[in-house]
Structure formats: C-alpha cells, structure tokens
C-alpha cells in the first residue's frame, strides 16, 4: 500500500505518554462500593442519586477532555503515527467530498493514540476493548498495539488491514453525523433488543464496514495506492474479527444470540459491497430483513 501518497491529518493526538490504565476522578473512577455510597447519601439527603452520579461523570469527562486537549500532536518522525495520520487524512478528504456532494458539511473526528488505557466521554477503556469510537466526544481511540495483535493473534497482517480498522471506526463517526447512532441509541432506550445475529448492533457494525469500503473505493480512485494483495489484507482482517470466529476461538462454540458485530462472512461481504459500489445508499443495513 503506497500510503505515503496521502495527506497527513492534523487531527491525531498522541496521548501515549500519559496512558497506561490510570483513571481520572469522578463517577467513572468510582468502585462499586463508591457508587453504592453515593446512592445511599443521595437518598438520605433527598437528592436523586443518578443526578449526583451524572454530575460526577460530567466532571470526569471535562477533566479527561482537558487532558486530551493538552496532549501533543503525533510526532512526525514516528512511522506508525505517520501512517495513522495518512489514513485519517484520506478519510477526511473522502468524506468531505461525499458530504459536500450531498450538500452537507463533514466534521472531522479526532483520533487519540493511547497506550494501556484511556478515558473518554464514553467512560474508561483498557486496550483490551480494541479500537473504538465514542460519539460523546466524536473521537476515535486507538492503541497501536492492536495492530500487532491483529497480525499475531488473528493472522491479519498488512498496512491495508490496519487502514481498514481505522476506516471502520471513522465509519461510526459518519453514522453519528448522519443520525444513525442517535436512532440506535433511542431504540436502546426504548428497550429494543440490541444483540443477536439480526440485531441493531450487528446492523450498525456492518454498516460501518460498508462505509469503510466506500472510503477504500474513493481513496483508490483518487490516489491509486493499492498494491497486489492489499484488498485481500482488508478482507482477511474483516474475516478474522467476525463474531462467529472470535466466539469459536474463545468459547469453542458459536452463540448467534450474543452477536454484536456480525459473522466473518457478513463483515467481508459488506466491506466488499462498499468497495465495489462506492455509494452510501448501498450501505443501508437497517432496511434488510436478513443480513
């Protein structure tokens, strides 16, 4: 993959120097015992315990956000960070163009590089959760150790496999801007089933795979940067992290009722659809009876 042809993004924040699992104060840092104490105190004082917890969570989010704003931009002499900046920069160029053609404005997300653990508006997360997107602060969070795990544990090596991972998380940002994430969250609050092989979470994740494919389609058309085997790298990555394959490896059995991301075959199919078609309208996973 000739990724050095891409423009570098200025929206990558390097928080690796202060990461490692530490947590900021507030509700996100409370133990279960601490939360129980807040509930008891709130009841004794005649206040809503949820409101108190919410205030603490808000303070923690504000502290976290300030800390992230003070983190340094990704260093220019770091090859891995340069790669991330290049991929993010091209997703910006792609989605700006697509949104503009639809007479909408694309807001760039920020990508935070961390190591070990990180606080976000969505709460604390360790590296074990893998890369993730938080709609609360519109940031993508990435511990680049995941790329090593992708290669060593899942057998999905290659720079385009890594680019697919970033583009998938940016796909969730696109869903936030389009209002898809809000609709899924509203359905959750109404008590609708989220998990399962035909559930809303799977539909949301498969759409993000399709949106990643759309990015790849437009990036290739613009930069002609794919080399022999690159597409197979992305498809191999999508195949490696399907729910069925991961559950088989971890539990020795597949439980479709607990799916959250889709099967390996589904993830490959939706990424390929986006890559081949290049049209956002082809990625509506929510209107299909079966995926």
Protein backbone atom coordinates (compact mmCIF):
# COMPACT_ATOMS: atom_id res chain seq x y z
CA UNK A 1 0.00 0.00 0.00
CA UNK A 2 1.53 3.30 -1.09
CA UNK A 3 0.10 5.18 1.90
CA UNK A 4 2.68 7.96 1.81
CA UNK A 5 0.73 9.46 -1.10
CA UNK A 6 -2.00 10.55 1.31
CA UNK A 7 -2.31 13.91 3.01
CA UNK A 8 -1.49 13.84 6.72
CA UNK A 9 -4.24 14.75 9.15
CA UNK A 10 -3.69 17.35 11.86
CA UNK A 11 -6.40 15.70 13.99
CA UNK A 12 -4.27 12.95 15.56
CA UNK A 13 -3.48 13.47 19.25
CA UNK A 14 -0.69 11.45 20.84
CA UNK A 15 -1.64 10.59 24.43
CA UNK A 16 0.64 7.57 24.69
CA UNK A 17 3.00 9.32 27.07
CA UNK A 18 0.38 9.55 29.82
CA UNK A 19 -1.67 6.42 29.11
CA UNK A 20 -1.38 3.12 30.88
CA UNK A 21 -4.61 2.46 32.67
CA UNK A 22 -4.82 5.44 35.04
CA UNK A 23 -8.27 6.88 35.54
CA UNK A 24 -9.41 10.41 36.19
CA UNK A 25 -11.66 11.28 39.13
CA UNK A 26 -15.44 11.35 39.10
CA UNK A 27 -18.09 8.70 38.63
CA UNK A 28 -16.06 6.80 36.05
CA UNK A 29 -13.35 6.23 38.66
CA UNK A 30 -15.66 5.08 41.42
CA UNK A 31 -15.72 1.49 42.57
CA UNK A 32 -19.00 -0.35 43.00
CA UNK A 33 -18.77 0.43 46.71
CA UNK A 34 -18.27 4.11 45.96
CA UNK A 35 -21.29 4.19 43.70
CA UNK A 36 -23.37 2.46 46.40
CA UNK A 37 -22.23 5.08 48.92
CA UNK A 38 -23.29 7.89 46.56
CA UNK A 39 -26.71 6.28 46.19
CA UNK A 40 -27.18 5.98 49.97
CA UNK A 41 -26.03 9.57 50.62
CA UNK A 42 -28.28 10.88 47.87
CA UNK A 43 -31.32 9.12 49.32
CA UNK A 44 -30.55 10.38 52.82
CA UNK A 45 -30.21 13.95 51.51
CA UNK A 46 -33.36 13.72 49.42
CA UNK A 47 -31.46 14.10 46.15
CA UNK A 48 -31.59 11.98 43.03
CA UNK A 49 -28.53 9.64 43.15
CA UNK A 50 -28.48 9.42 39.36
CA UNK A 51 -28.20 13.20 39.15
CA UNK A 52 -25.23 13.16 41.54
CA UNK A 53 -23.52 10.42 39.54
CA UNK A 54 -24.20 12.32 36.36
CA UNK A 55 -22.55 15.44 37.76
CA UNK A 56 -19.50 13.43 38.80
CA UNK A 57 -19.34 11.83 35.36
CA UNK A 58 -19.53 15.26 33.76
CA UNK A 59 -16.62 16.48 35.87
CA UNK A 60 -14.60 13.43 34.87
CA UNK A 61 -15.37 13.91 31.20
CA UNK A 62 -14.36 17.56 31.40
CA UNK A 63 -11.08 16.64 33.11
CA UNK A 64 -10.42 13.94 30.52
CA UNK A 65 -11.16 16.28 27.64
CA UNK A 66 -8.83 18.94 29.03
CA UNK A 67 -6.11 16.37 29.43
CA UNK A 68 -6.54 15.22 25.86
CA UNK A 69 -6.50 18.76 24.53
CA UNK A 70 -3.15 19.30 26.24
CA UNK A 71 -1.66 16.15 24.73
CA UNK A 72 0.89 16.59 21.97
CA UNK A 73 0.19 16.11 18.27
CA UNK A 74 1.54 12.88 16.86
CA UNK A 75 5.28 13.10 16.26
CA UNK A 76 6.29 13.44 12.64
CA UNK A 77 9.26 11.08 13.00
CA UNK A 78 7.11 8.17 14.25
CA UNK A 79 6.45 5.89 11.26
CA UNK A 80 3.38 4.26 12.79
CA UNK A 81 1.90 7.60 13.83
CA UNK A 82 2.63 8.95 10.34
CA UNK A 83 0.70 6.02 8.89
CA UNK A 84 -2.28 6.76 11.13
CA UNK A 85 -2.17 10.44 10.18
CA UNK A 86 -2.09 9.50 6.49
CA UNK A 87 -5.07 7.14 6.72
CA UNK A 88 -7.10 9.55 8.83
CA UNK A 89 -6.21 12.39 6.47
CA UNK A 90 -7.52 10.46 3.49
CA UNK A 91 -10.74 9.53 5.29
CA UNK A 92 -11.20 13.27 5.87
CA UNK A 93 -10.68 14.04 2.19
CA UNK A 94 -13.04 11.25 1.14
CA UNK A 95 -15.89 12.05 3.50
CA UNK A 96 -15.62 15.80 2.99
CA UNK A 97 -16.09 15.20 -0.73
CA UNK A 98 -19.00 12.80 -0.25
CA UNK A 99 -20.78 15.07 2.24
CA UNK A 100 -20.23 18.11 0.04
CA UNK A 101 -21.80 16.32 -2.92
CA UNK A 102 -24.86 15.77 -0.71
CA UNK A 103 -24.79 19.44 0.35
CA UNK A 104 -23.82 18.60 3.89
CA UNK A 105 -20.80 19.53 5.98
CA UNK A 106 -18.43 16.89 7.28
CA UNK A 107 -16.90 17.48 10.70
CA UNK A 108 -13.54 15.78 11.12
CA UNK A 109 -13.18 13.44 14.10
CA UNK A 110 -10.10 13.47 16.32
CA UNK A 111 -8.06 10.28 16.64
CA UNK A 112 -6.39 9.72 20.01
CA UNK A 113 -3.41 7.40 20.24
CA UNK A 114 -3.11 5.85 23.70
CA UNK A 115 -1.29 3.07 25.45
CA UNK A 116 -2.79 0.70 28.02
CA UNK A 117 -5.98 2.57 28.87
CA UNK A 118 -7.76 5.82 28.23
CA UNK A 119 -10.64 7.94 29.47
CA UNK A 120 -13.21 9.22 27.01
CA UNK A 121 -16.68 10.75 27.13
CA UNK A 122 -17.91 7.14 26.90
CA UNK A 123 -16.01 6.10 30.01
CA UNK A 124 -12.71 4.42 30.78
CA UNK A 125 -11.47 1.71 28.39
CA UNK A 126 -8.44 -0.53 28.50
CA UNK A 127 -6.58 -1.63 25.40
CA UNK A 128 -8.35 -4.97 25.70
CA UNK A 129 -11.51 -3.50 24.14
CA UNK A 130 -9.63 -2.73 20.93
CA UNK A 131 -10.02 0.42 18.83
CA UNK A 132 -13.29 2.26 19.44
CA UNK A 133 -15.25 5.38 18.54
CA UNK A 134 -17.01 7.50 21.16
CA UNK A 135 -19.93 9.54 19.82
CA UNK A 136 -19.96 11.59 23.02
CA UNK A 137 -16.74 13.40 22.09
CA UNK A 138 -16.58 12.34 18.41
CA UNK A 139 -13.15 10.78 18.85
CA UNK A 140 -11.57 7.57 17.64
CA UNK A 141 -9.35 5.85 20.21
CA UNK A 142 -6.53 3.58 19.12
CA UNK A 143 -3.81 1.69 20.94
CA UNK A 144 -1.49 0.70 18.12
CA UNK A 145 -0.59 -2.48 19.98
CA UNK A 146 -3.86 -3.74 18.46
CA UNK A 147 -2.16 -3.85 15.07
CA UNK A 148 0.40 -6.27 16.47
CA UNK A 149 -2.38 -8.37 17.96
CA UNK A 150 -4.22 -8.27 14.64
CA UNK A 151 -1.18 -9.81 12.99
CA UNK A 152 -0.02 -12.23 15.67
CA UNK A 153 -3.31 -13.43 17.17
CA UNK A 154 -5.67 -13.12 14.22
CA UNK A 155 -3.25 -13.66 11.35
CA UNK A 156 -4.36 -10.44 9.65
CA UNK A 157 -1.15 -8.63 8.75
CA UNK A 158 -0.58 -5.72 6.41
CA UNK A 159 -0.96 -1.97 6.28
CA UNK A 160 -4.28 -2.07 4.43
CA UNK A 161 -5.67 -4.34 7.15
CA UNK A 162 -4.72 -1.64 9.64
CA UNK A 163 -6.22 1.05 7.42
CA UNK A 164 -9.49 -0.91 7.35
CA UNK A 165 -9.61 -0.86 11.16
CA UNK A 166 -9.22 2.93 11.25
CA UNK A 167 -11.73 3.44 8.43
CA UNK A 168 -14.28 1.24 10.25
CA UNK A 169 -14.09 3.45 13.35
CA UNK A 170 -14.37 6.56 11.18
CA UNK A 171 -17.44 4.87 9.70
CA UNK A 172 -19.03 5.09 13.15
CA UNK A 173 -18.28 8.82 13.13
CA UNK A 174 -20.06 9.11 9.78
CA UNK A 175 -23.03 7.29 11.33
CA UNK A 176 -23.06 9.85 14.15
CA UNK A 177 -23.11 12.75 11.69
CA UNK A 178 -25.89 11.10 9.67
CA UNK A 179 -28.03 10.49 12.77
CA UNK A 180 -27.78 6.70 12.63
CA UNK A 181 -26.11 6.39 16.03
CA UNK A 182 -28.81 8.53 17.67
CA UNK A 183 -31.54 6.31 16.25
CA UNK A 184 -29.82 3.16 17.51
CA UNK A 185 -29.38 4.73 20.95
CA UNK A 186 -33.06 5.76 21.02
CA UNK A 187 -34.01 2.18 20.21
CA UNK A 188 -31.83 1.01 23.08
CA UNK A 189 -33.56 3.37 25.47
CA UNK A 190 -36.95 2.04 24.31
CA UNK A 191 -35.79 -1.41 25.34
CA UNK A 192 -35.41 -2.87 21.86
CA UNK A 193 -33.09 -5.87 21.53
CA UNK A 194 -29.57 -4.83 20.58
CA UNK A 195 -27.63 -8.07 20.32
CA UNK A 196 -28.22 -11.10 18.12
CA UNK A 197 -27.37 -12.10 14.57
CA UNK A 198 -30.09 -9.83 13.22
CA UNK A 199 -29.92 -7.16 15.92
CA UNK A 200 -29.34 -3.43 15.71
CA UNK A 201 -25.74 -3.58 16.94
CA UNK A 202 -24.82 -6.02 14.18
CA UNK A 203 -26.55 -3.82 11.61
CA UNK A 204 -24.69 -0.78 12.90
CA UNK A 205 -21.31 -2.54 12.76
CA UNK A 206 -21.87 -4.00 9.30
CA UNK A 207 -22.85 -0.57 8.02
CA UNK A 208 -19.56 0.78 9.41
CA UNK A 209 -17.77 -1.98 7.47
CA UNK A 210 -19.59 -0.92 4.32
CA UNK A 211 -18.68 2.72 4.94
CA UNK A 212 -15.04 1.67 5.34
CA UNK A 213 -15.34 0.00 1.95
CA UNK A 214 -16.71 3.23 0.47
CA UNK A 215 -13.68 5.10 1.78
CA UNK A 216 -11.39 2.49 0.22
CA UNK A 217 -13.22 2.81 -3.11
CA UNK A 218 -12.82 6.58 -3.30
CA UNK A 219 -9.28 6.59 -1.90
CA UNK A 220 -8.13 4.12 -4.55
CA UNK A 221 -9.80 6.14 -7.30
CA UNK A 222 -8.08 9.30 -6.10
CA UNK A 223 -4.62 8.02 -5.13
CA UNK A 224 -4.19 4.66 -6.92
CA UNK A 225 -2.31 3.48 -3.86
CA UNK A 226 -3.31 -0.18 -3.54
CA UNK A 227 -0.77 -2.83 -4.47
CA UNK A 228 -1.22 -6.53 -5.16
CA UNK A 229 -2.66 -8.28 -2.11
CA UNK A 230 -3.78 -5.12 -0.31
CA UNK A 231 -7.50 -5.73 -0.74
CA UNK A 232 -7.05 -9.28 0.48
CA UNK A 233 -5.41 -7.88 3.63
CA UNK A 234 -8.52 -5.87 4.48
CA UNK A 235 -10.83 -8.77 3.72
CA UNK A 236 -8.69 -11.05 5.86
CA UNK A 237 -8.93 -8.59 8.75
CA UNK A 238 -12.71 -8.38 8.39
CA UNK A 239 -12.90 -12.16 8.31
CA UNK A 240 -10.63 -12.52 11.36
CA UNK A 241 -12.79 -10.42 13.68
CA UNK A 242 -16.24 -11.80 12.92
CA UNK A 243 -18.36 -12.76 15.95
CA UNK A 244 -18.57 -16.41 14.94
CA UNK A 245 -14.83 -16.82 14.56
CA UNK A 246 -13.99 -14.96 17.76
CA UNK A 247 -16.56 -16.92 19.77
CA UNK A 248 -15.32 -20.22 18.37
CA UNK A 249 -11.78 -19.34 19.39
CA UNK A 250 -12.72 -18.08 22.87
CA UNK A 251 -15.57 -20.44 23.85
CA UNK A 252 -15.33 -23.36 21.47
CA UNK A 253 -18.88 -22.66 20.29
CA UNK A 254 -20.86 -20.01 18.43
CA UNK A 255 -23.79 -18.23 20.11
CA UNK A 256 -25.63 -16.13 17.48
CA UNK A 257 -27.94 -14.57 20.09
CA UNK A 258 -24.95 -12.72 21.55
CA UNK A 259 -23.56 -11.38 18.26
CA UNK A 260 -22.68 -7.67 18.23
CA UNK A 261 -20.59 -7.22 15.07
CA UNK A 262 -21.69 -9.83 12.54
CA UNK A 263 -20.19 -13.02 11.20
CA UNK A 264 -16.90 -13.15 9.33
CA UNK A 265 -18.75 -13.72 6.06
CA UNK A 266 -21.06 -10.77 6.69
CA UNK A 267 -18.22 -8.41 7.54
CA UNK A 268 -16.33 -9.38 4.39
CA UNK A 269 -19.46 -9.06 2.25
CA UNK A 270 -20.41 -5.59 3.46
CA UNK A 271 -16.88 -4.22 3.15
CA UNK A 272 -16.68 -5.61 -0.40
CA UNK A 273 -20.07 -4.09 -1.23
CA UNK A 274 -18.89 -0.65 -0.14
CA UNK A 275 -15.61 -1.05 -2.00
CA UNK A 276 -17.25 -2.19 -5.22
CA UNK A 277 -20.17 0.27 -5.23
CA UNK A 278 -18.75 3.36 -3.54
CA UNK A 279 -22.23 4.67 -2.75
CA UNK A 280 -23.53 5.41 0.75
CA UNK A 281 -27.06 4.43 -0.25
CA UNK A 282 -25.91 0.84 -0.77
CA UNK A 283 -24.92 0.57 2.90
CA UNK A 284 -28.39 0.67 4.47
CA UNK A 285 -28.17 -2.44 6.61
CA UNK A 286 -31.22 -1.40 8.62
CA UNK A 287 -33.78 -1.93 5.85
CA UNK A 288 -32.92 -5.54 5.06
CA UNK A 289 -34.83 -8.44 6.55
CA UNK A 290 -31.69 -10.57 6.62
CA UNK A 291 -28.08 -9.52 6.53
